[in-house]
Protein backbone atom coordinates (compact mmCIF):
# COMPACT_ATOMS: atom_id res chain seq x y z
CA MET A 1 5.52 -14.90 -16.05
CA ALA A 2 8.80 -14.18 -17.81
CA LYS A 3 7.63 -11.57 -19.98
CA GLN A 4 5.99 -9.87 -16.49
CA LEU A 5 9.57 -9.98 -15.00
CA ARG A 6 11.12 -8.38 -18.37
CA GLN A 7 8.77 -5.67 -17.72
CA SER A 8 9.45 -5.40 -14.25
CA PRO A 9 12.80 -6.92 -13.27
CA GLU A 10 12.74 -5.58 -9.88
CA THR A 11 9.42 -7.62 -9.22
CA ALA A 12 12.04 -10.44 -8.99
CA THR A 13 14.09 -8.92 -6.52
CA GLY A 14 10.87 -7.80 -4.33
CA LEU A 15 10.20 -11.80 -4.22
CA GLY A 16 13.64 -12.79 -3.39
CA ILE A 17 14.04 -14.97 -6.72
CA ASP A 18 16.60 -12.90 -8.68
CA SER A 19 19.17 -15.73 -8.41
CA GLY A 20 19.83 -18.88 -10.60
CA ASP A 21 17.81 -18.93 -13.92
CA LEU A 22 16.75 -15.33 -13.07
CA ALA A 23 19.70 -13.75 -11.92
CA TRP A 24 19.57 -11.61 -15.29
CA THR A 25 17.15 -9.49 -13.42
CA LYS A 26 19.02 -8.32 -10.55
CA GLY A 27 21.16 -5.61 -12.70
CA LEU A 28 17.88 -4.17 -14.19
CA LEU A 29 14.87 -1.98 -13.50
CA SER A 30 11.60 -1.40 -15.16
CA ASP A 31 11.67 0.38 -18.71
CA ARG A 32 9.27 3.20 -18.67
CA SER A 33 9.78 4.63 -22.32
CA PHE A 34 6.77 5.39 -24.44
CA ALA A 35 7.71 2.25 -26.64
CA ALA A 36 7.99 -0.09 -23.67
CA ILE A 37 4.58 1.03 -22.41
CA GLU A 38 2.88 0.54 -25.68
CA ALA A 39 4.36 -2.93 -25.90
CA GLY A 40 3.16 -3.45 -22.27
CA GLN A 41 -0.38 -2.61 -23.17
CA ALA A 42 -0.46 -4.48 -26.08
CA GLU A 43 0.73 -7.62 -24.46
CA THR A 44 -1.90 -7.04 -21.80
CA ARG A 45 -4.88 -7.16 -24.83
CA LYS A 46 -3.08 -10.01 -26.08
CA GLN A 47 -3.09 -11.89 -22.68
CA LEU A 48 -6.83 -11.03 -22.00
CA ALA A 49 -7.84 -12.21 -25.70
CA ALA A 50 -5.90 -15.41 -24.96
CA LEU A 51 -7.26 -16.14 -21.34
CA ARG A 52 -11.04 -15.33 -22.44
CA ALA A 53 -10.35 -18.24 -25.36
CA ILE A 54 -10.44 -20.62 -22.63
CA ASP A 55 -13.91 -22.17 -21.60
CA ARG A 56 -14.46 -20.89 -18.09
CA ARG A 57 -17.30 -22.80 -17.49
CA ALA A 58 -14.99 -26.04 -17.50
CA LEU A 59 -13.22 -24.73 -14.65
CA LYS A 60 -13.71 -25.79 -10.83
CA GLY A 61 -12.05 -24.88 -7.73
CA MET A 62 -8.59 -22.92 -7.75
CA ASP A 63 -8.42 -23.40 -11.50
CA ALA A 64 -11.32 -21.41 -11.53
CA VAL A 65 -10.16 -18.76 -8.82
CA ASN A 66 -7.14 -18.15 -10.61
CA TYR A 67 -8.87 -17.73 -13.70
CA ASP A 68 -11.38 -15.25 -12.25
CA THR A 69 -8.28 -13.52 -10.72
CA VAL A 70 -6.41 -13.01 -13.61
CA GLU A 71 -9.18 -12.14 -15.81
CA PHE A 72 -10.21 -9.25 -13.44
CA ILE A 73 -6.87 -7.79 -13.37
CA LEU A 74 -6.00 -7.89 -16.91
CA ALA A 75 -9.58 -6.57 -17.65
CA VAL A 76 -9.39 -3.60 -15.54
CA MET A 77 -5.87 -2.82 -16.80
CA ASP A 78 -6.90 -3.04 -20.36
CA GLU A 79 -9.91 -0.74 -19.71
CA GLY A 80 -7.65 1.78 -18.14
CA ASN A 81 -4.97 1.47 -20.97
CA SER A 82 -7.64 2.02 -23.58
CA LYS A 83 -9.44 4.71 -22.15
CA PHE A 84 -6.84 6.99 -20.72
CA THR A 85 -3.55 8.30 -22.19
CA TYR A 86 -2.11 9.66 -18.90
CA GLY A 87 -0.28 8.70 -15.81
CA GLY A 88 1.87 6.11 -17.62
CA GLY A 89 -1.56 4.11 -18.92
CA GLY A 90 -3.92 2.28 -16.67
CA SER A 91 -5.53 3.88 -13.80
CA GLY A 92 -5.54 4.72 -10.06
CA ALA A 93 -2.39 7.01 -10.13
CA PRO A 94 -2.71 10.02 -12.56
CA TYR A 95 0.23 11.89 -11.97
CA VAL A 96 3.71 10.17 -12.95
CA LEU A 97 5.40 12.40 -10.39
CA SER A 98 4.31 13.34 -6.83
CA GLN A 99 4.95 13.16 -3.04
CA LEU A 100 4.15 9.22 -3.40
CA THR A 101 4.67 8.26 -7.19
CA GLY A 102 7.93 8.31 -9.14
CA SER A 103 11.03 6.20 -8.68
CA TYR A 104 12.93 9.06 -7.02
CA GLN A 105 10.53 8.37 -3.97
CA GLN A 106 11.03 4.57 -3.89
CA MET A 107 14.04 3.58 -5.58
CA PRO A 108 16.83 4.42 -3.03
CA ASP A 109 15.14 2.51 -0.35
CA PHE A 110 14.29 -0.26 -2.65
CA LEU A 111 17.86 -0.52 -3.39
CA ASP A 112 18.99 -0.31 0.36
CA THR A 113 16.35 -2.74 1.47
CA GLN A 114 15.46 -5.18 -1.05
CA HIS A 115 18.65 -5.33 -3.45
CA SER A 116 20.85 -8.02 -1.40
CA ILE A 117 24.53 -7.89 -1.64
CA GLU A 118 26.35 -11.11 -0.74
CA THR A 119 28.94 -11.28 -3.77
CA LYS A 120 30.65 -8.85 -5.77
CA ALA A 121 28.06 -9.71 -8.92
CA ASP A 122 25.58 -8.19 -6.67
CA ALA A 123 27.58 -4.95 -5.92
CA ASP A 124 28.00 -4.72 -9.68
CA ALA A 125 24.06 -5.21 -10.13
CA TYR A 126 23.47 -2.42 -7.57
CA LEU A 127 25.72 0.04 -9.63
CA SER A 128 23.95 -1.11 -12.91
CA ARG A 129 20.68 -0.48 -10.95
CA MET A 130 21.89 3.12 -9.98
CA GLU A 131 22.67 3.86 -13.74
CA GLY A 132 19.14 2.35 -14.71
CA PHE A 133 17.28 4.37 -11.65
CA ALA A 134 18.84 7.51 -13.71
CA ARG A 135 17.32 6.28 -16.81
CA LEU A 136 14.32 5.62 -15.29
CA MET A 137 13.88 9.15 -14.02
CA ASP A 138 14.29 10.62 -17.34
CA GLN A 139 11.82 8.11 -18.87
CA GLU A 140 9.11 9.46 -16.38
CA THR A 141 10.10 13.14 -17.01
CA ALA A 142 9.25 12.76 -20.53
CA LEU A 143 6.05 10.90 -19.66
CA ALA A 144 5.14 13.70 -17.04
CA ALA A 145 6.34 16.44 -19.40
CA LYS A 146 3.86 14.77 -21.87
CA ASP A 147 1.05 14.51 -19.60
CA MET A 148 1.62 18.08 -18.53
CA ALA A 149 1.48 19.36 -22.10
CA ASP A 150 -1.99 17.55 -21.99
CA GLY A 151 -3.21 19.53 -19.04
CA VAL A 152 -2.72 16.84 -16.61
CA ILE A 153 -0.88 18.87 -14.04
CA PRO A 154 -0.69 17.86 -10.58
CA PRO A 155 -2.51 20.35 -8.00
CA ASP A 156 -0.21 23.08 -6.58
CA PHE A 157 0.12 21.85 -3.09
CA VAL A 158 1.23 18.31 -4.62
CA ILE A 159 3.65 20.01 -6.61
CA ASP A 160 5.15 21.83 -3.43
CA LYS A 161 5.64 18.77 -1.53
CA THR A 162 7.11 16.85 -4.39
CA LEU A 163 9.66 19.73 -5.09
CA VAL A 164 10.45 19.48 -0.93
CA GLN A 165 11.14 15.88 -1.14
CA MET A 166 13.09 16.08 -4.18
CA LYS A 167 15.12 18.91 -3.14
CA ALA A 168 16.05 17.38 0.23
CA PHE A 169 17.16 14.43 -2.08
CA ALA A 170 19.25 16.61 -4.22
CA ASP A 171 20.52 18.74 -1.22
CA THR A 172 21.92 15.42 0.56
CA PRO A 173 25.82 15.35 0.40
CA THR A 174 26.73 12.60 -2.09
CA ALA A 175 28.50 10.68 0.85
CA GLU A 176 25.34 10.74 2.85
CA THR A 177 22.94 9.77 0.29
CA THR A 178 21.07 6.19 1.02
CA LEU A 179 22.29 5.31 -2.33
CA VAL A 180 26.04 5.70 -1.40
CA LYS A 181 25.97 4.67 2.10
CA SER A 182 23.92 1.53 1.32
CA ILE A 183 26.66 -0.12 -0.80
CA ALA A 184 29.60 1.18 1.21
CA ARG A 185 28.10 -0.49 4.29
CA ARG A 186 26.89 -3.48 2.83
CA THR A 187 30.31 -4.10 0.75
CA LYS A 188 32.49 -3.56 3.81
CA ASP A 189 30.13 -6.06 5.98
CA LYS A 190 30.87 -8.72 3.44
CA THR A 191 34.35 -8.11 2.76
CA ILE A 192 34.14 -7.19 -1.04
CA ALA A 193 37.01 -5.74 -2.17
CA GLY A 194 36.78 -2.40 -4.17
CA ASP A 195 36.26 1.30 -4.14
CA TRP A 196 32.30 0.67 -4.13
CA ALA A 197 31.58 4.15 -2.30
CA GLY A 198 33.78 5.77 -4.91
CA GLU A 199 31.88 4.09 -7.95
CA ALA A 200 28.71 4.74 -6.54
CA SER A 201 29.60 8.21 -5.84
CA LYS A 202 30.32 8.71 -9.43
CA ILE A 203 27.41 7.31 -10.98
CA TYR A 204 25.31 9.40 -8.55
CA GLU A 205 27.08 12.52 -9.30
CA ASN A 206 27.54 12.31 -13.27
CA SER A 207 23.96 10.33 -13.86
CA VAL A 208 21.61 10.24 -10.71
CA LEU A 209 21.38 13.67 -9.51
CA PRO A 210 21.40 15.44 -12.89
CA ALA A 211 18.53 13.41 -13.69
CA LEU A 212 16.87 14.16 -10.54
CA LYS A 213 17.68 17.69 -11.02
CA ARG A 214 15.85 17.74 -14.49
CA GLN A 215 12.73 16.29 -12.64
CA ILE A 216 12.72 19.25 -10.31
CA ALA A 217 13.19 21.66 -13.19
CA LEU A 218 10.12 20.09 -14.81
CA MET A 219 8.06 20.43 -11.55
CA GLU A 220 9.16 24.21 -10.99
CA SER A 221 8.49 25.00 -14.56
CA VAL A 222 4.90 23.85 -14.60
CA ARG A 223 4.18 25.18 -10.77
CA GLY A 224 2.56 28.66 -12.04
CA LYS A 225 0.23 26.62 -14.19
CA ALA A 226 -1.22 24.32 -11.30
CA THR A 227 -4.64 24.84 -10.05
CA HIS A 228 -5.54 24.28 -6.22
CA ASP A 229 -8.45 21.81 -7.34
CA ALA A 230 -7.71 18.45 -5.89
CA GLY A 231 -9.93 15.81 -7.52
CA VAL A 232 -9.39 14.10 -10.80
CA TRP A 233 -13.01 15.44 -11.88
CA ARG A 234 -10.80 18.20 -13.48
CA LEU A 235 -8.81 16.05 -15.79
CA LYS A 236 -9.81 14.66 -19.49
CA ASN A 237 -12.51 12.12 -18.83
CA GLY A 238 -11.80 12.47 -15.07
CA GLY A 239 -15.09 11.21 -14.01
CA ASP A 240 -14.66 7.85 -15.94
CA TYR A 241 -11.33 7.66 -14.57
CA TYR A 242 -12.29 7.81 -11.09
CA ALA A 243 -15.04 4.94 -11.51
CA VAL A 244 -12.33 2.86 -13.31
CA SER A 245 -9.94 3.55 -10.46
CA LEU A 246 -12.47 2.43 -7.72
CA LYS A 247 -13.06 -0.79 -9.88
CA ASN A 248 -9.35 -1.39 -9.78
CA TYR A 249 -8.76 -0.92 -6.21
CA THR A 250 -12.04 -1.88 -4.50
CA THR A 251 -12.67 -4.59 -6.76
CA SER A 252 -16.30 -4.00 -6.08
CA THR A 253 -19.28 -2.52 -8.11
CA LEU A 254 -20.18 0.22 -5.75
CA THR A 255 -20.89 3.77 -7.49
CA PRO A 256 -19.07 6.94 -6.18
CA ASP A 257 -22.39 8.14 -4.80
CA GLU A 258 -23.06 4.78 -3.02
CA ILE A 259 -19.78 4.84 -1.26
CA HIS A 260 -20.04 8.40 -0.35
CA GLN A 261 -23.60 7.12 1.44
CA LEU A 262 -21.85 4.15 3.04
CA GLY A 263 -19.07 6.26 4.32
CA LEU A 264 -21.49 9.00 6.06
CA ASP A 265 -23.55 6.01 7.67
CA THR A 266 -20.47 3.90 8.80
CA VAL A 267 -19.00 7.23 10.28
CA LYS A 268 -22.32 7.64 12.42
CA ALA A 269 -22.58 4.00 13.54
CA ILE A 270 -18.73 3.97 14.63
CA GLU A 271 -19.16 7.35 16.53
CA ILE A 272 -22.11 5.78 18.41
CA GLU A 273 -20.10 2.44 19.50
CA ALA A 274 -17.02 4.76 20.43
CA ASP A 275 -19.31 7.18 22.59
CA LYS A 276 -20.69 4.16 24.70
CA LEU A 277 -16.80 3.38 25.36
CA PHE A 278 -15.74 6.72 26.30
CA LYS A 279 -18.66 6.94 28.99
CA LYS A 280 -17.17 3.79 30.56
CA ILE A 281 -13.98 5.58 31.19
CA GLY A 282 -15.70 8.55 32.42
CA MET A 283 -14.93 10.87 29.46
CA THR A 284 -18.70 12.38 28.42
CA LYS A 285 -18.08 15.85 27.11
CA GLY A 286 -17.75 16.87 23.49
CA THR A 287 -17.96 15.09 20.20
CA VAL A 288 -16.31 11.82 19.76
CA GLY A 289 -13.66 13.55 17.53
CA ASP A 290 -13.12 16.07 20.53
CA ARG A 291 -12.48 13.15 22.97
CA MET A 292 -10.33 11.29 20.79
CA ARG A 293 -8.25 14.38 20.05
CA LYS A 294 -7.93 14.47 24.28
CA LEU A 295 -6.65 10.81 24.28
CA GLY A 296 -4.39 11.89 21.30
CA GLU A 297 -2.39 14.12 23.86
CA ASP A 298 -0.68 11.17 24.97
CA PHE A 299 1.97 10.18 22.82
CA TYR A 300 5.75 9.58 23.04
CA PRO A 301 8.07 12.34 22.93
CA ASN A 302 9.50 13.38 19.76
CA THR A 303 13.23 12.47 20.38
CA ASP A 304 15.23 9.82 18.79
CA GLU A 305 15.78 7.93 22.05
CA ALA A 306 11.90 7.91 22.64
CA LYS A 307 11.23 6.95 19.06
CA GLU A 308 13.50 3.81 19.60
CA GLN A 309 11.56 3.17 22.65
CA LEU A 310 8.51 3.04 20.96
CA ILE A 311 10.09 0.67 18.23
CA LYS A 312 10.85 -1.50 21.00
CA ASP A 313 7.62 -1.40 22.65
CA LEU A 314 5.71 -2.00 19.58
CA ASN A 315 7.70 -5.23 19.00
CA GLU A 316 6.89 -6.60 22.06
CA LYS A 317 3.31 -6.14 21.56
CA ALA A 318 3.68 -7.89 18.01
CA LYS A 319 5.18 -11.05 20.08
CA TRP A 320 2.18 -10.91 22.42
CA ILE A 321 -0.28 -11.32 19.56
CA GLU A 322 1.90 -14.04 17.55
CA LYS A 323 1.37 -16.11 20.75
CA GLN A 324 -2.65 -15.90 20.43
CA LEU A 325 -2.76 -16.82 16.65
CA PRO A 326 -2.74 -20.42 16.92
CA ALA A 327 -6.45 -20.29 18.16
CA TYR A 328 -7.37 -18.34 15.14
CA PHE A 329 -5.43 -19.87 12.18
CA GLY A 330 -4.95 -23.45 11.17
CA GLN A 331 -1.55 -22.06 9.40
CA LEU A 332 0.96 -19.52 10.52
CA PRO A 333 3.93 -17.68 8.58
CA LYS A 334 7.31 -18.78 8.66
CA ALA A 335 8.49 -15.39 7.94
CA PRO A 336 9.44 -13.45 10.81
CA LEU A 337 8.36 -9.63 11.26
CA GLU A 338 10.28 -6.66 11.71
CA ILE A 339 9.13 -3.34 12.83
CA ARG A 340 11.40 -0.11 11.50
CA ARG A 341 11.19 3.59 11.43
CA VAL A 342 10.35 5.15 8.11
CA PRO A 343 13.67 6.69 6.61
CA LYS A 344 13.80 10.08 7.28
CA ALA A 345 14.47 10.92 3.79
CA ILE A 346 11.03 10.11 2.82
CA GLU A 347 9.01 10.39 5.78
CA ALA A 348 7.59 13.74 4.88
CA GLY A 349 5.13 12.46 2.20
CA ALA A 350 4.91 8.65 3.56
CA PRO A 351 1.90 7.34 5.08
CA GLY A 352 1.71 6.84 9.11
CA GLY A 353 2.58 2.88 8.53
CA TYR A 354 3.06 0.57 5.99
CA TYR A 355 4.51 -2.78 4.88
CA ASN A 356 6.88 -4.77 2.85
CA SER A 357 6.32 -8.45 2.13
CA PRO A 358 8.90 -10.99 2.83
CA SER A 359 10.86 -12.68 -0.13
CA LEU A 360 9.83 -15.93 -1.48
CA ASP A 361 13.01 -17.41 -0.14
CA GLY A 362 12.59 -16.61 3.08
CA LYS A 363 16.11 -14.47 3.42
CA ARG A 364 14.32 -11.02 3.99
CA PRO A 365 11.79 -10.58 6.43
CA GLY A 366 8.30 -9.00 6.48
CA ILE A 367 8.73 -5.29 7.16
CA TYR A 368 6.27 -2.82 9.18
CA TRP A 369 7.40 0.58 8.67
CA ILE A 370 6.05 3.43 11.08
CA ASN A 371 6.12 6.91 10.45
CA LEU A 372 7.86 8.80 13.28
CA ARG A 373 8.54 12.45 11.84
CA ASP A 374 6.35 13.59 14.51
CA THR A 375 5.20 11.71 17.29
CA LYS A 376 2.23 13.87 18.02
CA GLU A 377 0.80 11.92 14.95
CA GLN A 378 1.09 8.48 16.44
CA ALA A 379 -0.98 8.89 19.60
CA LYS A 380 -0.40 5.85 22.00
CA TYR A 381 -4.00 5.01 22.02
CA THR A 382 -3.87 4.07 18.31
CA LEU A 383 -0.33 2.11 18.27
CA THR A 384 -1.85 -1.27 19.07
CA THR A 385 -4.48 -1.11 16.32
CA LEU A 386 -1.57 0.08 13.97
CA THR A 387 0.56 -2.92 14.86
CA VAL A 388 -2.50 -5.34 14.44
CA HIS A 389 -2.92 -4.03 10.76
CA GLU A 390 0.43 -3.77 9.28
CA GLY A 391 2.02 -6.57 11.32
CA VAL A 392 0.01 -9.36 12.83
CA PRO A 393 -2.73 -10.82 11.97
CA GLY A 394 -3.00 -7.94 9.36
CA HIS A 395 -0.51 -7.52 6.34
CA HIS A 396 2.18 -9.62 7.73
CA LEU A 397 0.08 -12.86 7.99
CA GLN A 398 -1.89 -12.41 5.15
CA LEU A 399 1.03 -11.59 2.66
CA SER A 400 3.52 -14.01 4.09
CA LEU A 401 0.66 -17.04 3.61
CA SER A 402 0.31 -15.92 0.17
CA ASN A 403 4.06 -16.19 -0.56
CA GLU A 404 4.43 -19.47 1.45
CA ALA A 405 0.97 -21.06 -0.09
CA LYS A 406 1.98 -24.12 -1.78
CA GLY A 407 0.39 -24.90 -5.47
CA LEU A 408 -0.35 -20.83 -5.89
CA PRO A 409 1.01 -20.17 -9.44
CA LEU A 410 3.98 -17.44 -9.10
CA ILE A 411 1.47 -14.90 -11.30
CA ARG A 412 -1.15 -15.16 -8.31
CA LYS A 413 1.68 -14.55 -5.83
CA ILE A 414 2.71 -10.99 -7.51
CA ILE A 415 -0.82 -9.97 -8.25
CA GLY A 416 -2.00 -7.60 -5.29
CA PHE A 417 -5.74 -6.24 -4.48
CA SER A 418 -6.18 -3.47 -2.24
CA GLY A 419 -9.78 -4.28 -1.52
CA TYR A 420 -8.81 -7.67 -0.40
CA ALA A 421 -5.49 -6.95 1.30
CA GLU A 422 -6.49 -3.84 2.89
CA GLY A 423 -10.05 -5.47 3.79
CA TRP A 424 -8.08 -8.17 5.64
CA ALA A 425 -6.02 -5.76 7.69
CA LEU A 426 -9.05 -3.64 8.65
CA TYR A 427 -11.02 -7.00 9.55
CA SER A 428 -8.11 -7.71 11.67
CA GLU A 429 -8.53 -5.02 13.59
CA GLN A 430 -11.86 -6.12 14.60
CA LEU A 431 -10.43 -9.78 15.10
CA ALA A 432 -8.20 -8.22 17.50
CA VAL A 433 -10.94 -7.35 19.79
CA GLU A 434 -11.99 -10.86 19.84
CA MET A 435 -8.80 -12.09 20.33
CA GLY A 436 -8.69 -9.95 23.54
CA ILE A 437 -6.06 -7.71 22.88
CA TYR A 438 -7.96 -5.05 24.36
CA LYS A 439 -9.48 -6.77 27.43
CA ASN A 440 -7.71 -4.68 29.87
CA ASP A 441 -7.24 -1.60 27.54
CA PRO A 442 -10.30 0.08 26.97
CA ARG A 443 -8.55 3.20 25.53
CA GLY A 444 -6.70 0.80 23.06
CA GLN A 445 -9.99 -0.33 21.80
CA ILE A 446 -11.15 3.44 21.41
CA GLY A 447 -8.11 3.32 19.32
CA MET A 448 -9.32 0.45 17.14
CA LEU A 449 -12.58 2.69 16.68
CA HIS A 450 -10.71 5.46 15.84
CA ASP A 451 -8.85 3.59 13.06
CA ALA A 452 -11.87 2.22 11.69
CA LEU A 453 -13.57 5.59 11.84
CA PHE A 454 -10.44 6.68 9.83
CA ARG A 455 -11.25 4.35 6.82
CA ALA A 456 -14.68 5.22 7.12
CA VAL A 457 -14.03 9.04 6.66
CA ARG A 458 -11.72 7.96 3.86
CA LEU A 459 -14.72 6.63 1.92
CA VAL A 460 -16.21 10.26 2.36
CA VAL A 461 -13.34 12.58 1.57
CA ASP A 462 -12.25 10.41 -1.15
CA THR A 463 -15.41 10.46 -3.22
CA GLY A 464 -16.08 14.02 -1.97
CA MET A 465 -12.89 15.20 -3.52
CA HIS A 466 -12.86 13.08 -6.62
CA HIS A 467 -16.48 13.19 -7.61
CA LYS A 468 -18.31 15.86 -5.39
CA LYS A 469 -15.71 18.41 -6.21
CA TRP A 470 -14.94 18.89 -2.60
CA SER A 471 -11.67 21.16 -2.01
CA ARG A 472 -8.41 19.74 -0.29
CA GLU A 473 -9.37 22.16 2.73
CA GLN A 474 -12.86 20.76 2.87
CA ALA A 475 -11.57 17.49 3.21
CA ILE A 476 -8.90 18.10 5.64
CA LYS A 477 -11.46 20.00 7.98
CA TYR A 478 -14.07 17.00 7.75
CA MET A 479 -11.13 14.28 8.75
CA ALA A 480 -9.65 16.19 11.36
CA GLU A 481 -13.01 17.30 12.96
CA THR A 482 -14.42 13.82 12.71
CA MET A 483 -11.62 12.01 14.06
CA GLY A 484 -9.93 14.49 16.30
CA ASP A 485 -6.39 14.10 14.60
CA GLU A 486 -3.37 16.59 14.38
CA GLU A 487 -4.36 18.56 11.02
CA SER A 488 -0.59 17.61 10.11
CA GLY A 489 -1.79 14.19 9.82
CA ALA A 490 -5.00 14.97 8.15
CA ILE A 491 -2.87 16.68 5.55
CA THR A 492 -0.49 14.05 4.58
CA GLU A 493 -3.58 11.45 4.36
CA ILE A 494 -5.79 13.82 2.01
CA GLU A 495 -2.77 14.85 -0.15
CA ARG A 496 -2.32 10.96 -0.26
CA TYR A 497 -5.88 10.34 -1.53
CA VAL A 498 -5.50 13.23 -4.11
CA VAL A 499 -2.64 11.38 -6.18
CA TRP A 500 -4.32 7.74 -5.54
CA PRO A 501 -7.78 8.18 -6.43
CA GLY A 502 -9.73 5.32 -5.12
CA GLN A 503 -7.34 3.38 -3.00
CA ALA A 504 -8.55 4.60 0.20
CA CYS A 505 -11.92 3.14 -0.21
CA SER A 506 -10.39 -0.13 -0.47
CA TYR A 507 -10.26 -0.68 3.13
CA MET A 508 -13.57 -0.18 4.73
CA ILE A 509 -15.23 -1.90 1.38
CA GLY A 510 -12.84 -4.83 1.92
CA LYS A 511 -13.44 -5.35 5.66
CA ILE A 512 -17.14 -5.27 5.15
CA VAL A 513 -16.89 -8.05 2.54
CA TRP A 514 -14.69 -9.81 4.82
CA LEU A 515 -17.12 -9.83 7.77
CA ARG A 516 -20.23 -10.52 5.31
CA ALA A 517 -18.26 -13.83 4.02
CA ARG A 518 -17.70 -14.71 7.81
CA ALA A 519 -21.31 -14.05 8.90
CA LYS A 520 -22.66 -16.04 5.73
CA ALA A 521 -20.33 -19.29 6.79
CA GLN A 522 -21.06 -19.31 10.21
CA LYS A 523 -25.01 -19.24 9.28
CA ALA A 524 -24.64 -21.81 6.74
CA LEU A 525 -22.24 -24.03 8.66
CA GLY A 526 -23.76 -23.42 12.39
CA LYS A 527 -21.82 -25.73 14.94
CA LYS A 528 -19.69 -26.99 11.80
CA PHE A 529 -18.14 -23.48 11.66
CA ASP A 530 -14.51 -23.15 12.56
CA ILE A 531 -12.91 -19.69 12.59
CA ARG A 532 -9.49 -21.26 11.52
CA GLU A 533 -10.63 -23.24 8.99
CA PHE A 534 -12.34 -20.16 7.45
CA HIS A 535 -9.27 -17.96 7.58
CA ASP A 536 -7.14 -20.56 6.20
CA ALA A 537 -9.73 -21.05 3.18
CA GLY A 538 -9.95 -17.04 2.57
CA LEU A 539 -6.06 -16.57 2.90
CA LEU A 540 -4.32 -19.50 1.36
CA SER A 541 -6.16 -19.21 -2.00
CA GLY A 542 -4.22 -16.02 -2.36
CA MET A 543 -5.42 -12.50 -3.22
CA THR A 544 -8.31 -12.08 -5.19
CA PRO A 545 -11.11 -9.66 -6.29
CA LEU A 546 -13.87 -9.08 -3.63
CA THR A 547 -16.16 -10.91 -6.05
CA VAL A 548 -13.78 -13.60 -6.24
CA LEU A 549 -13.25 -13.87 -2.67
CA GLU A 550 -17.04 -14.27 -1.84
CA ARG A 551 -16.95 -17.50 -4.27
CA VAL A 552 -13.83 -19.07 -2.70
CA VAL A 553 -15.74 -18.50 0.58
CA ASP A 554 -19.15 -20.32 -0.96
CA ASP A 555 -16.68 -23.30 -2.14
CA TYR A 556 -15.53 -23.32 1.33
CA ILE A 557 -19.05 -23.90 2.80
CA VAL A 558 -19.96 -26.26 0.19
CA SER A 559 -16.81 -28.41 1.19
CA LYS A 560 -18.00 -28.63 4.73
CA GLY A 561 -21.32 -29.97 3.84
CA GLY A 562 -23.05 -26.49 4.26
CA LYS A 563 -25.13 -24.82 1.27
CA ALA A 564 -23.70 -21.68 0.02
């Protein structure tokens, strides 16, 4: 664990454990030099060999779960490291710099929302991290330049959006940047003496901004060499890269062709269910996508005042949901949930909603971020299900319980699995129907089906671009027409899948595994089945690969006297 934190000191801050014996982590950031990456890959190989030297057959219960979970992540990391030289190693993110990858896109928000400032030492550590941020950007520039020399150049549309974001960052006056405003505001609030805005401004202008401009220059220099092809199939060993990325994100054994067909079949099934609900509310004409587009015309005005009201309304919805949770969960999280707007500086390339876990010490809440760059993209009928997914009983409940679980090793609280976590959040959307959230809200239930359709469409377009060589435009057209969404929202989503190949497939595959595991437990236990116990068994064991989740549920069934 100590080695992991040396490779990624900001992990300690994210978990809220960057004090006491780990206070040394607070002024540091990751090292992405070539030497550090090689050392990290060697350490992964060493850890995997040491783990496999243990007799797995002798392990039972949580020991077996812990072993299988860590073995999976080390094995897939090692496979990616040994097969591919681009993206900084591993799989799942082939481009070091894009609209969604690179520290330029993440670090200002990380320092503002996760790096706490209570003392002068904390403020000094913040300034140290600003210097580290500049160094990290230069390391990423070197990595990206090496990849680009090897032909790993992002598509032209990715470069264009990346440059829009980078230039918006660079063009912001120093005093107005998140980096400077954050330390100035928070040291003032804590009455920490010193010219913190002045010190931060010097570092920004002398170190951070020049490093950012070097990244801009690099991206501009390769723009003319970029192609418009969306998929990773065009990269060296691109087919294998996609296969490993799918394994990494979905933690399943499904092939790209199987996933593509699963997506097409699931789209059809959801459209049939949605059509029935539409007919109940008197909407009978047009495709399901056409009718969803019609419902999508009801949205909050695109004003700051209306956006504040939207946030307020979602917080009230989350409070109502929280009151229903005791009937479905034996253990509930202690950490509170906050709903906030995605910072304007990164909203152009950010997804529609996402979640940040609470700190282990309970000082920082779980935060569900909603992107309000254009309220037309957040139709009213879809907002309840987005809140269920990102908040409760979705990501907030699952990740908070994992953080708070007793007896779960720290390494297990750090390791994440998209198939498990996103599958849970999507399963939660289905669970919300059972909880009665849509009892008097058929449009809201159609919103749930809209988002389920969204995840089924992802299976089609992700495999379409990366395996079947679909173009960006073909993928956008299929998504927009099938779902009836604004094209601007479809563009953002499709371009996300381009830079994170395989990740978008994890949602629906994970949901299917959660539903299948629950059905198995219900059948095996009959009247003994208790949904609260089932949920606790799956959640309090921490995040696992989906194959391991199935074993966790089997153990639960046996513990209740059933046959797995």
